Protein backbone atom coordinates (compact mmCIF):
# COMPACT_ATOMS: atom_id res chain seq x y z
CA UNK A 1 0.00 0.00 0.00
CA UNK A 2 2.83 2.44 0.79
CA UNK A 3 4.23 2.00 -2.72
CA UNK A 4 0.77 2.68 -4.18
CA UNK A 5 0.44 5.89 -2.16
CA UNK A 6 3.94 7.06 -3.12
CA UNK A 7 3.22 6.35 -6.79
CA UNK A 8 -0.04 8.33 -6.74
CA UNK A 9 1.71 11.28 -5.12
CA UNK A 10 4.48 11.10 -7.74
CA UNK A 11 1.86 11.04 -10.50
CA UNK A 12 0.32 14.20 -9.02
CA UNK A 13 3.79 15.75 -8.85
CA UNK A 14 3.39 16.51 -5.16
CA UNK A 15 6.25 16.70 -2.71
CA UNK A 16 6.20 13.86 -0.20
CA UNK A 17 8.44 11.83 2.04
CA UNK A 18 8.10 8.13 2.79
CA UNK A 19 9.13 7.14 6.31
CA UNK A 20 9.34 3.36 6.75
CA UNK A 21 8.39 2.16 10.24
CA UNK A 22 7.81 -1.24 11.83
CA UNK A 23 4.18 -2.33 12.08
CA UNK A 24 4.08 -1.87 15.85
CA UNK A 25 6.19 1.28 15.98
CA UNK A 26 5.28 4.82 16.88
CA UNK A 27 4.98 7.61 14.36
CA UNK A 28 7.68 10.31 14.36
CA UNK A 29 5.44 12.47 16.59
CA UNK A 30 5.30 9.66 19.18
CA UNK A 31 1.68 8.63 18.53
CA UNK A 32 0.61 5.06 17.84
CA UNK A 33 -1.89 4.72 14.96
CA UNK A 34 -4.91 2.43 15.09
CA UNK A 35 -4.23 1.15 11.55
CA UNK A 36 -1.35 0.99 9.10
CA UNK A 37 -0.31 2.51 6.75
CA UNK A 38 -0.54 6.12 7.82
CA UNK A 39 -0.50 9.21 5.64
CA UNK A 40 0.27 12.42 7.53
CA UNK A 41 -0.13 15.91 6.12
CA UNK A 42 2.15 18.78 7.07
CA UNK A 43 -0.84 20.49 8.74
CA UNK A 44 -1.10 17.62 11.24
CA UNK A 45 -4.00 15.71 9.68
CA UNK A 46 -3.50 11.93 9.62
CA UNK A 47 -5.24 9.23 7.61
CA UNK A 48 -4.92 5.72 9.02
CA UNK A 49 -5.53 2.56 7.04
CA UNK A 50 -5.79 1.84 3.34
CA UNK A 51 -9.46 2.83 2.98
CA UNK A 52 -9.02 6.27 4.60
CA UNK A 53 -5.88 6.95 2.58
CA UNK A 54 -7.52 5.99 -0.72
CA UNK A 55 -10.48 8.27 0.03
CA UNK A 56 -8.13 11.14 0.86
CA UNK A 57 -6.09 10.59 -2.33
CA UNK A 58 -9.24 10.48 -4.47
CA UNK A 59 -10.33 13.84 -3.05
CA UNK A 60 -6.79 15.19 -3.44
CA UNK A 61 -6.70 14.27 -7.14
CA UNK A 62 -9.85 16.33 -7.67
CA UNK A 63 -8.53 19.28 -5.64
CA UNK A 64 -5.18 19.33 -7.46
CA UNK A 65 -6.90 19.14 -10.86
CA UNK A 66 -9.13 22.11 -10.01
CA UNK A 67 -6.20 24.10 -8.67
CA UNK A 68 -4.07 23.45 -11.73
CA UNK A 69 -6.96 24.26 -14.05
CA UNK A 70 -6.85 27.90 -12.98
CA UNK A 71 -3.07 28.33 -12.87
CA UNK A 72 -1.19 29.96 -15.67
CA UNK A 73 2.41 30.41 -16.69
CA UNK A 74 1.54 33.67 -18.44
CA UNK A 75 3.46 36.84 -17.81
CA UNK A 76 2.07 40.31 -18.43
CA UNK A 77 4.90 42.53 -19.60
CA UNK A 78 5.41 45.96 -18.11
CA UNK A 79 4.68 48.45 -20.95
CA UNK A 80 7.39 50.77 -19.63
CA UNK A 81 9.98 47.99 -19.38
CA UNK A 82 9.10 44.93 -21.50
CA UNK A 83 11.96 42.93 -19.96
CA UNK A 84 9.96 42.63 -16.69
CA UNK A 85 6.68 41.00 -15.80
CA UNK A 86 4.03 42.81 -13.80
PDB file of N, CA and C in Angstrom:
ATOM      1  N   UNK A   1       0.823  -1.204   0.000  1.00  0.00           N
ATOM      2  CA  UNK A   1       0.000   0.000   0.000  1.00  0.00           C
ATOM      3  C   UNK A   1       0.862   1.260   0.000  1.00  0.00           C
ATOM      4  N   UNK A   2       1.964   1.261   0.744  1.00  0.00           N
ATOM      5  CA  UNK A   2       2.826   2.443   0.793  1.00  0.00           C
ATOM      6  C   UNK A   2       3.370   2.780  -0.589  1.00  0.00           C
ATOM      7  N   UNK A   3       3.728   1.765  -1.359  1.00  0.00           N
ATOM      8  CA  UNK A   3       4.225   2.002  -2.718  1.00  0.00           C
ATOM      9  C   UNK A   3       3.135   2.607  -3.596  1.00  0.00           C
ATOM     10  N   UNK A   4       1.904   2.148  -3.417  1.00  0.00           N
ATOM     11  CA  UNK A   4       0.768   2.682  -4.180  1.00  0.00           C
ATOM     12  C   UNK A   4       0.556   4.159  -3.856  1.00  0.00           C
ATOM     13  N   UNK A   5       0.623   4.500  -2.581  1.00  0.00           N
ATOM     14  CA  UNK A   5       0.443   5.894  -2.158  1.00  0.00           C
ATOM     15  C   UNK A   5       1.563   6.757  -2.728  1.00  0.00           C
ATOM     16  N   UNK A   6       2.802   6.302  -2.600  1.00  0.00           N
ATOM     17  CA  UNK A   6       3.935   7.064  -3.116  1.00  0.00           C
ATOM     18  C   UNK A   6       3.813   7.266  -4.627  1.00  0.00           C
ATOM     19  N   UNK A   7       3.368   6.247  -5.336  1.00  0.00           N
ATOM     20  CA  UNK A   7       3.217   6.352  -6.788  1.00  0.00           C
ATOM     21  C   UNK A   7       2.142   7.370  -7.151  1.00  0.00           C
ATOM     22  N   UNK A   8       1.025   7.358  -6.449  1.00  0.00           N
ATOM     23  CA  UNK A   8      -0.044   8.326  -6.741  1.00  0.00           C
ATOM     24  C   UNK A   8       0.424   9.752  -6.473  1.00  0.00           C
ATOM     25  N   UNK A   9       1.189   9.949  -5.413  1.00  0.00           N
ATOM     26  CA  UNK A   9       1.711  11.283  -5.115  1.00  0.00           C
ATOM     27  C   UNK A   9       2.730  11.721  -6.165  1.00  0.00           C
ATOM     28  N   UNK A  10       3.540  10.784  -6.650  1.00  0.00           N
ATOM     29  CA  UNK A  10       4.485  11.097  -7.740  1.00  0.00           C
ATOM     30  C   UNK A  10       3.727  11.475  -9.007  1.00  0.00           C
ATOM     31  N   UNK A  11       2.654  10.742  -9.321  1.00  0.00           N
ATOM     32  CA  UNK A  11       1.855  11.040 -10.502  1.00  0.00           C
ATOM     33  C   UNK A  11       1.236  12.436 -10.423  1.00  0.00           C
ATOM     34  N   UNK A  12       0.880  12.863  -9.216  1.00  0.00           N
ATOM     35  CA  UNK A  12       0.316  14.197  -9.016  1.00  0.00           C
ATOM     36  C   UNK A  12       1.397  15.279  -8.957  1.00  0.00           C
ATOM     37  N   UNK A  13       2.633  14.866  -8.959  1.00  0.00           N
ATOM     38  CA  UNK A  13       3.786  15.753  -8.854  1.00  0.00           C
ATOM     39  C   UNK A  13       3.685  16.583  -7.572  1.00  0.00           C
ATOM     40  N   UNK A  14       3.477  15.876  -6.466  1.00  0.00           N
ATOM     41  CA  UNK A  14       3.394  16.512  -5.159  1.00  0.00           C
ATOM     42  C   UNK A  14       4.583  16.077  -4.307  1.00  0.00           C
ATOM     43  N   UNK A  15       5.139  17.012  -3.598  1.00  0.00           N
ATOM     44  CA  UNK A  15       6.253  16.698  -2.706  1.00  0.00           C
ATOM     45  C   UNK A  15       5.759  15.784  -1.595  1.00  0.00           C
ATOM     46  N   UNK A  16       6.549  14.787  -1.279  1.00  0.00           N
ATOM     47  CA  UNK A  16       6.198  13.861  -0.198  1.00  0.00           C
ATOM     48  C   UNK A  16       7.462  13.179   0.302  1.00  0.00           C
ATOM     49  N   UNK A  17       7.335  12.576   1.460  1.00  0.00           N
ATOM     50  CA  UNK A  17       8.445  11.831   2.041  1.00  0.00           C
ATOM     51  C   UNK A  17       7.888  10.543   2.618  1.00  0.00           C
ATOM     52  N   UNK A  18       8.507   9.432   2.272  1.00  0.00           N
ATOM     53  CA  UNK A  18       8.096   8.128   2.793  1.00  0.00           C
ATOM     54  C   UNK A  18       8.998   7.799   3.971  1.00  0.00           C
ATOM     55  N   UNK A  19       8.377   7.484   5.103  1.00  0.00           N
ATOM     56  CA  UNK A  19       9.125   7.136   6.308  1.00  0.00           C
ATOM     57  C   UNK A  19       8.764   5.705   6.676  1.00  0.00           C
ATOM     58  N   UNK A  20       9.650   4.753   6.390  1.00  0.00           N
ATOM     59  CA  UNK A  20       9.338   3.364   6.750  1.00  0.00           C
ATOM     60  C   UNK A  20       9.409   3.178   8.271  1.00  0.00           C
ATOM     61  N   UNK A  21       8.419   2.476   8.805  1.00  0.00           N
ATOM     62  CA  UNK A  21       8.389   2.156  10.238  1.00  0.00           C
ATOM     63  C   UNK A  21       7.936   0.712  10.401  1.00  0.00           C
ATOM     64  N   UNK A  22       8.289   0.103  11.524  1.00  0.00           N
ATOM     65  CA  UNK A  22       7.811  -1.242  11.834  1.00  0.00           C
ATOM     66  C   UNK A  22       6.317  -1.183  12.125  1.00  0.00           C
ATOM     67  N   UNK A  23       5.625  -2.275  11.896  1.00  0.00           N
ATOM     68  CA  UNK A  23       4.178  -2.333  12.078  1.00  0.00           C
ATOM     69  C   UNK A  23       3.688  -1.996  13.470  1.00  0.00           C
ATOM     70  N   UNK A  24       4.510  -2.166  14.481  1.00  0.00           N
ATOM     71  CA  UNK A  24       4.078  -1.867  15.847  1.00  0.00           C
ATOM     72  C   UNK A  24       4.792  -0.649  16.407  1.00  0.00           C
ATOM     73  N   UNK A  25       5.414   0.129  15.545  1.00  0.00           N
ATOM     74  CA  UNK A  25       6.194   1.281  15.985  1.00  0.00           C
ATOM     75  C   UNK A  25       5.323   2.513  16.159  1.00  0.00           C
ATOM     76  N   UNK A  26       5.928   3.527  16.738  1.00  0.00           N
ATOM     77  CA  UNK A  26       5.280   4.821  16.877  1.00  0.00           C
ATOM     78  C   UNK A  26       5.584   5.666  15.644  1.00  0.00           C
ATOM     79  N   UNK A  27       4.736   6.643  15.414  1.00  0.00           N
ATOM     80  CA  UNK A  27       4.983   7.613  14.360  1.00  0.00           C
ATOM     81  C   UNK A  27       6.055   8.587  14.841  1.00  0.00           C
ATOM     82  N   UNK A  28       6.648   9.365  13.942  1.00  0.00           N
ATOM     83  CA  UNK A  28       7.680  10.314  14.364  1.00  0.00           C
ATOM     84  C   UNK A  28       7.230  11.278  15.462  1.00  0.00           C
ATOM     85  N   UNK A  29       5.922  11.574  15.536  1.00  0.00           N
ATOM     86  CA  UNK A  29       5.438  12.473  16.589  1.00  0.00           C
ATOM     87  C   UNK A  29       5.193  11.746  17.914  1.00  0.00           C
ATOM     88  N   UNK A  30       5.453  10.439  17.949  1.00  0.00           N
ATOM     89  CA  UNK A  30       5.304   9.660  19.178  1.00  0.00           C
ATOM     90  C   UNK A  30       3.959   8.974  19.315  1.00  0.00           C
ATOM     91  N   UNK A  31       3.009   9.255  18.443  1.00  0.00           N
ATOM     92  CA  UNK A  31       1.683   8.632  18.534  1.00  0.00           C
ATOM     93  C   UNK A  31       1.718   7.227  17.940  1.00  0.00           C
ATOM     94  N   UNK A  32       0.742   6.418  18.356  1.00  0.00           N
ATOM     95  CA  UNK A  32       0.608   5.055  17.840  1.00  0.00           C
ATOM     96  C   UNK A  32      -0.706   4.991  17.069  1.00  0.00           C
ATOM     97  N   UNK A  33      -0.662   4.745  15.758  1.00  0.00           N
ATOM     98  CA  UNK A  33      -1.892   4.719  14.961  1.00  0.00           C
ATOM     99  C   UNK A  33      -2.731   3.483  15.245  1.00  0.00           C
ATOM    100  N   UNK A  34      -4.012   3.574  14.919  1.00  0.00           N
ATOM    101  CA  UNK A  34      -4.909   2.430  15.088  1.00  0.00           C
ATOM    102  C   UNK A  34      -4.837   1.486  13.902  1.00  0.00           C
ATOM    103  N   UNK A  35      -4.354   1.975  12.746  1.00  0.00           N
ATOM    104  CA  UNK A  35      -4.227   1.148  11.547  1.00  0.00           C
ATOM    105  C   UNK A  35      -3.040   1.616  10.721  1.00  0.00           C
ATOM    106  N   UNK A  36      -2.468   0.668  10.010  1.00  0.00           N
ATOM    107  CA  UNK A  36      -1.355   0.987   9.104  1.00  0.00           C
ATOM    108  C   UNK A  36      -1.820   0.793   7.688  1.00  0.00           C
ATOM    109  N   UNK A  37      -1.289   1.432   6.698  1.00  0.00           N
ATOM    110  CA  UNK A  37      -0.310   2.507   6.745  1.00  0.00           C
ATOM    111  C   UNK A  37      -0.943   3.810   7.201  1.00  0.00           C
ATOM    112  N   UNK A  38      -0.100   4.805   7.381  1.00  0.00           N
ATOM    113  CA  UNK A  38      -0.540   6.124   7.824  1.00  0.00           C
ATOM    114  C   UNK A  38      -0.028   7.160   6.837  1.00  0.00           C
ATOM    115  N   UNK A  39      -0.901   8.076   6.460  1.00  0.00           N
ATOM    116  CA  UNK A  39      -0.502   9.212   5.639  1.00  0.00           C
ATOM    117  C   UNK A  39      -0.711  10.446   6.498  1.00  0.00           C
ATOM    118  N   UNK A  40       0.345  11.226   6.693  1.00  0.00           N
ATOM    119  CA  UNK A  40       0.266  12.423   7.525  1.00  0.00           C
ATOM    120  C   UNK A  40       0.529  13.652   6.667  1.00  0.00           C
ATOM    121  N   UNK A  41      -0.319  14.645   6.825  1.00  0.00           N
ATOM    122  CA  UNK A  41      -0.135  15.912   6.125  1.00  0.00           C
ATOM    123  C   UNK A  41       0.716  16.837   6.977  1.00  0.00           C
ATOM    124  N   UNK A  42       1.307  17.832   6.341  1.00  0.00           N
ATOM    125  CA  UNK A  42       2.147  18.783   7.069  1.00  0.00           C
ATOM    126  C   UNK A  42       1.326  19.628   8.046  1.00  0.00           C
ATOM    127  N   UNK A  43       0.013  19.723   7.837  1.00  0.00           N
ATOM    128  CA  UNK A  43      -0.842  20.492   8.745  1.00  0.00           C
ATOM    129  C   UNK A  43      -1.261  19.696   9.976  1.00  0.00           C
ATOM    130  N   UNK A  44      -0.800  18.446  10.077  1.00  0.00           N
ATOM    131  CA  UNK A  44      -1.096  17.621  11.239  1.00  0.00           C
ATOM    132  C   UNK A  44      -2.193  16.594  11.033  1.00  0.00           C
ATOM    133  N   UNK A  45      -2.941  16.688   9.952  1.00  0.00           N
ATOM    134  CA  UNK A  45      -3.999  15.714   9.676  1.00  0.00           C
ATOM    135  C   UNK A  45      -3.380  14.356   9.348  1.00  0.00           C
ATOM    136  N   UNK A  46      -3.980  13.284   9.879  1.00  0.00           N
ATOM    137  CA  UNK A  46      -3.501  11.925   9.619  1.00  0.00           C
ATOM    138  C   UNK A  46      -4.639  11.067   9.093  1.00  0.00           C
ATOM    139  N   UNK A  47      -4.289  10.183   8.170  1.00  0.00           N
ATOM    140  CA  UNK A  47      -5.240   9.228   7.610  1.00  0.00           C
ATOM    141  C   UNK A  47      -4.665   7.848   7.873  1.00  0.00           C
ATOM    142  N   UNK A  48      -5.406   7.032   8.593  1.00  0.00           N
ATOM    143  CA  UNK A  48      -4.917   5.724   9.024  1.00  0.00           C
ATOM    144  C   UNK A  48      -5.673   4.615   8.315  1.00  0.00           C
ATOM    145  N   UNK A  49      -4.930   3.703   7.728  1.00  0.00           N
ATOM    146  CA  UNK A  49      -5.527   2.564   7.040  1.00  0.00           C
ATOM    147  C   UNK A  49      -5.729   2.832   5.561  1.00  0.00           C
ATOM    148  N   UNK A  50      -5.721   1.748   4.795  1.00  0.00           N
ATOM    149  CA  UNK A  50      -5.789   1.837   3.337  1.00  0.00           C
ATOM    150  C   UNK A  50      -7.052   2.549   2.847  1.00  0.00           C
ATOM    151  N   UNK A  51      -8.199   2.242   3.439  1.00  0.00           N
ATOM    152  CA  UNK A  51      -9.458   2.833   2.983  1.00  0.00           C
ATOM    153  C   UNK A  51      -9.475   4.346   3.175  1.00  0.00           C
ATOM    154  N   UNK A  52      -9.047   4.830   4.323  1.00  0.00           N
ATOM    155  CA  UNK A  52      -9.022   6.272   4.597  1.00  0.00           C
ATOM    156  C   UNK A  52      -8.026   6.984   3.688  1.00  0.00           C
ATOM    157  N   UNK A  53      -6.896   6.340   3.439  1.00  0.00           N
ATOM    158  CA  UNK A  53      -5.880   6.950   2.579  1.00  0.00           C
ATOM    159  C   UNK A  53      -6.373   7.026   1.139  1.00  0.00           C
ATOM    160  N   UNK A  54      -6.986   5.971   0.653  1.00  0.00           N
ATOM    161  CA  UNK A  54      -7.516   5.995  -0.717  1.00  0.00           C
ATOM    162  C   UNK A  54      -8.579   7.081  -0.888  1.00  0.00           C
ATOM    163  N   UNK A  55      -9.446   7.227   0.096  1.00  0.00           N
ATOM    164  CA  UNK A  55     -10.484   8.268   0.033  1.00  0.00           C
ATOM    165  C   UNK A  55      -9.845   9.654   0.014  1.00  0.00           C
ATOM    166  N   UNK A  56      -8.836   9.856   0.844  1.00  0.00           N
ATOM    167  CA  UNK A  56      -8.132  11.141   0.861  1.00  0.00           C
ATOM    168  C   UNK A  56      -7.473  11.412  -0.488  1.00  0.00           C
ATOM    169  N   UNK A  57      -6.786  10.410  -1.050  1.00  0.00           N
ATOM    170  CA  UNK A  57      -6.091  10.591  -2.325  1.00  0.00           C
ATOM    171  C   UNK A  57      -7.068  10.867  -3.457  1.00  0.00           C
ATOM    172  N   UNK A  58      -8.230  10.218  -3.441  1.00  0.00           N
ATOM    173  CA  UNK A  58      -9.241  10.477  -4.471  1.00  0.00           C
ATOM    174  C   UNK A  58      -9.702  11.932  -4.414  1.00  0.00           C
ATOM    175  N   UNK A  59      -9.928  12.440  -3.207  1.00  0.00           N
ATOM    176  CA  UNK A  59     -10.330  13.838  -3.049  1.00  0.00           C
ATOM    177  C   UNK A  59      -9.181  14.771  -3.439  1.00  0.00           C
ATOM    178  N   UNK A  60      -7.966  14.379  -3.123  1.00  0.00           N
ATOM    179  CA  UNK A  60      -6.792  15.191  -3.441  1.00  0.00           C
ATOM    180  C   UNK A  60      -6.595  15.313  -4.951  1.00  0.00           C
ATOM    181  N   UNK A  61      -6.816  14.235  -5.676  1.00  0.00           N
ATOM    182  CA  UNK A  61      -6.701  14.267  -7.135  1.00  0.00           C
ATOM    183  C   UNK A  61      -7.639  15.332  -7.700  1.00  0.00           C
ATOM    184  N   UNK A  62      -8.863  15.349  -7.209  1.00  0.00           N
ATOM    185  CA  UNK A  62      -9.853  16.327  -7.673  1.00  0.00           C
ATOM    186  C   UNK A  62      -9.414  17.751  -7.317  1.00  0.00           C
ATOM    187  N   UNK A  63      -8.962  17.956  -6.097  1.00  0.00           N
ATOM    188  CA  UNK A  63      -8.534  19.279  -5.636  1.00  0.00           C
ATOM    189  C   UNK A  63      -7.341  19.791  -6.448  1.00  0.00           C
ATOM    190  N   UNK A  64      -6.372  18.939  -6.694  1.00  0.00           N
ATOM    191  CA  UNK A  64      -5.184  19.331  -7.460  1.00  0.00           C
ATOM    192  C   UNK A  64      -5.576  19.664  -8.897  1.00  0.00           C
ATOM    193  N   UNK A  65      -6.462  18.872  -9.481  1.00  0.00           N
ATOM    194  CA  UNK A  65      -6.903  19.137 -10.857  1.00  0.00           C
ATOM    195  C   UNK A  65      -7.595  20.491 -10.957  1.00  0.00           C
ATOM    196  N   UNK A  66      -8.462  20.809 -10.002  1.00  0.00           N
ATOM    197  CA  UNK A  66      -9.131  22.110 -10.010  1.00  0.00           C
ATOM    198  C   UNK A  66      -8.132  23.239  -9.834  1.00  0.00           C
ATOM    199  N   UNK A  67      -7.200  23.071  -8.926  1.00  0.00           N
ATOM    200  CA  UNK A  67      -6.197  24.102  -8.665  1.00  0.00           C
ATOM    201  C   UNK A  67      -5.352  24.356  -9.907  1.00  0.00           C
ATOM    202  N   UNK A  68      -4.927  23.304 -10.556  1.00  0.00           N
ATOM    203  CA  UNK A  68      -4.071  23.450 -11.732  1.00  0.00           C
ATOM    204  C   UNK A  68      -4.843  23.980 -12.940  1.00  0.00           C
ATOM    205  N   UNK A  69      -6.136  23.771 -12.953  1.00  0.00           N
ATOM    206  CA  UNK A  69      -6.958  24.260 -14.051  1.00  0.00           C
ATOM    207  C   UNK A  69      -6.916  25.784 -14.138  1.00  0.00           C
ATOM    208  N   UNK A  70      -6.797  26.445 -13.009  1.00  0.00           N
ATOM    209  CA  UNK A  70      -6.851  27.899 -12.975  1.00  0.00           C
ATOM    210  C   UNK A  70      -5.486  28.549 -12.849  1.00  0.00           C
ATOM    211  N   UNK A  71      -4.416  27.762 -12.905  1.00  0.00           N
ATOM    212  CA  UNK A  71      -3.074  28.326 -12.873  1.00  0.00           C
ATOM    213  C   UNK A  71      -2.629  28.658 -14.282  1.00  0.00           C
ATOM    214  N   UNK A  72      -1.697  29.575 -14.369  1.00  0.00           N
ATOM    215  CA  UNK A  72      -1.195  29.962 -15.673  1.00  0.00           C
ATOM    216  C   UNK A  72       0.280  30.300 -15.563  1.00  0.00           C
ATOM    217  N   UNK A  73       1.002  30.036 -16.621  1.00  0.00           N
ATOM    218  CA  UNK A  73       2.407  30.408 -16.687  1.00  0.00           C
ATOM    219  C   UNK A  73       2.566  31.700 -17.478  1.00  0.00           C
ATOM    220  N   UNK A  74       1.494  32.437 -17.662  1.00  0.00           N
ATOM    221  CA  UNK A  74       1.536  33.666 -18.438  1.00  0.00           C
ATOM    222  C   UNK A  74       2.227  34.776 -17.658  1.00  0.00           C
ATOM    223  N   UNK A  75       2.804  35.682 -18.392  1.00  0.00           N
ATOM    224  CA  UNK A  75       3.463  36.840 -17.809  1.00  0.00           C
ATOM    225  C   UNK A  75       2.965  38.067 -18.559  1.00  0.00           C
ATOM    226  N   UNK A  76       2.497  39.057 -17.822  1.00  0.00           N
ATOM    227  CA  UNK A  76       2.070  40.310 -18.432  1.00  0.00           C
ATOM    228  C   UNK A  76       3.245  41.276 -18.369  1.00  0.00           C
ATOM    229  N   UNK A  77       3.714  41.679 -19.540  1.00  0.00           N
ATOM    230  CA  UNK A  77       4.896  42.528 -19.604  1.00  0.00           C
ATOM    231  C   UNK A  77       4.567  43.965 -19.203  1.00  0.00           C
ATOM    232  N   UNK A  78       5.513  44.569 -18.506  1.00  0.00           N
ATOM    233  CA  UNK A  78       5.407  45.960 -18.109  1.00  0.00           C
ATOM    234  C   UNK A  78       5.556  46.804 -19.378  1.00  0.00           C
ATOM    235  N   UNK A  79       4.566  47.654 -19.723  1.00  0.00           N
ATOM    236  CA  UNK A  79       4.676  48.452 -20.949  1.00  0.00           C
ATOM    237  C   UNK A  79       5.853  49.429 -20.921  1.00  0.00           C
ATOM    238  N   UNK A  80       6.252  49.858 -19.735  1.00  0.00           N
ATOM    239  CA  UNK A  80       7.392  50.766 -19.625  1.00  0.00           C
ATOM    240  C   UNK A  80       8.727  50.045 -19.702  1.00  0.00           C
ATOM    241  N   UNK A  81       8.738  48.769 -19.339  1.00  0.00           N
ATOM    242  CA  UNK A  81       9.976  47.993 -19.383  1.00  0.00           C
ATOM    243  C   UNK A  81       9.614  46.553 -19.761  1.00  0.00           C
ATOM    244  N   UNK A  82       9.557  46.244 -21.049  1.00  0.00           N
ATOM    245  CA  UNK A  82       9.099  44.927 -21.500  1.00  0.00           C
ATOM    246  C   UNK A  82      10.018  43.770 -21.135  1.00  0.00           C
ATOM    247  N   UNK A  83      11.087  44.029 -20.419  1.00  0.00           N
ATOM    248  CA  UNK A  83      11.961  42.929 -19.959  1.00  0.00           C
ATOM    249  C   UNK A  83      11.502  42.414 -18.591  1.00  0.00           C
ATOM    250  N   UNK A  84      10.460  43.034 -18.015  1.00  0.00           N
ATOM    251  CA  UNK A  84       9.965  42.632 -16.691  1.00  0.00           C
ATOM    252  C   UNK A  84       8.479  42.317 -16.733  1.00  0.00           C
ATOM    253  N   UNK A  85       8.104  41.336 -15.956  1.00  0.00           N
ATOM    254  CA  UNK A  85       6.678  40.999 -15.797  1.00  0.00           C
ATOM    255  C   UNK A  85       6.067  41.854 -14.716  1.00  0.00           C
ATOM    256  N   UNK A  86       4.776  42.095 -14.856  1.00  0.00           N
ATOM    257  CA  UNK A  86       4.034  42.810 -13.802  1.00  0.00           C
ATOM    258  C   UNK A  86       3.641  41.851 -12.715  1.00  0.00           C
TER     259      UNK A  86
END
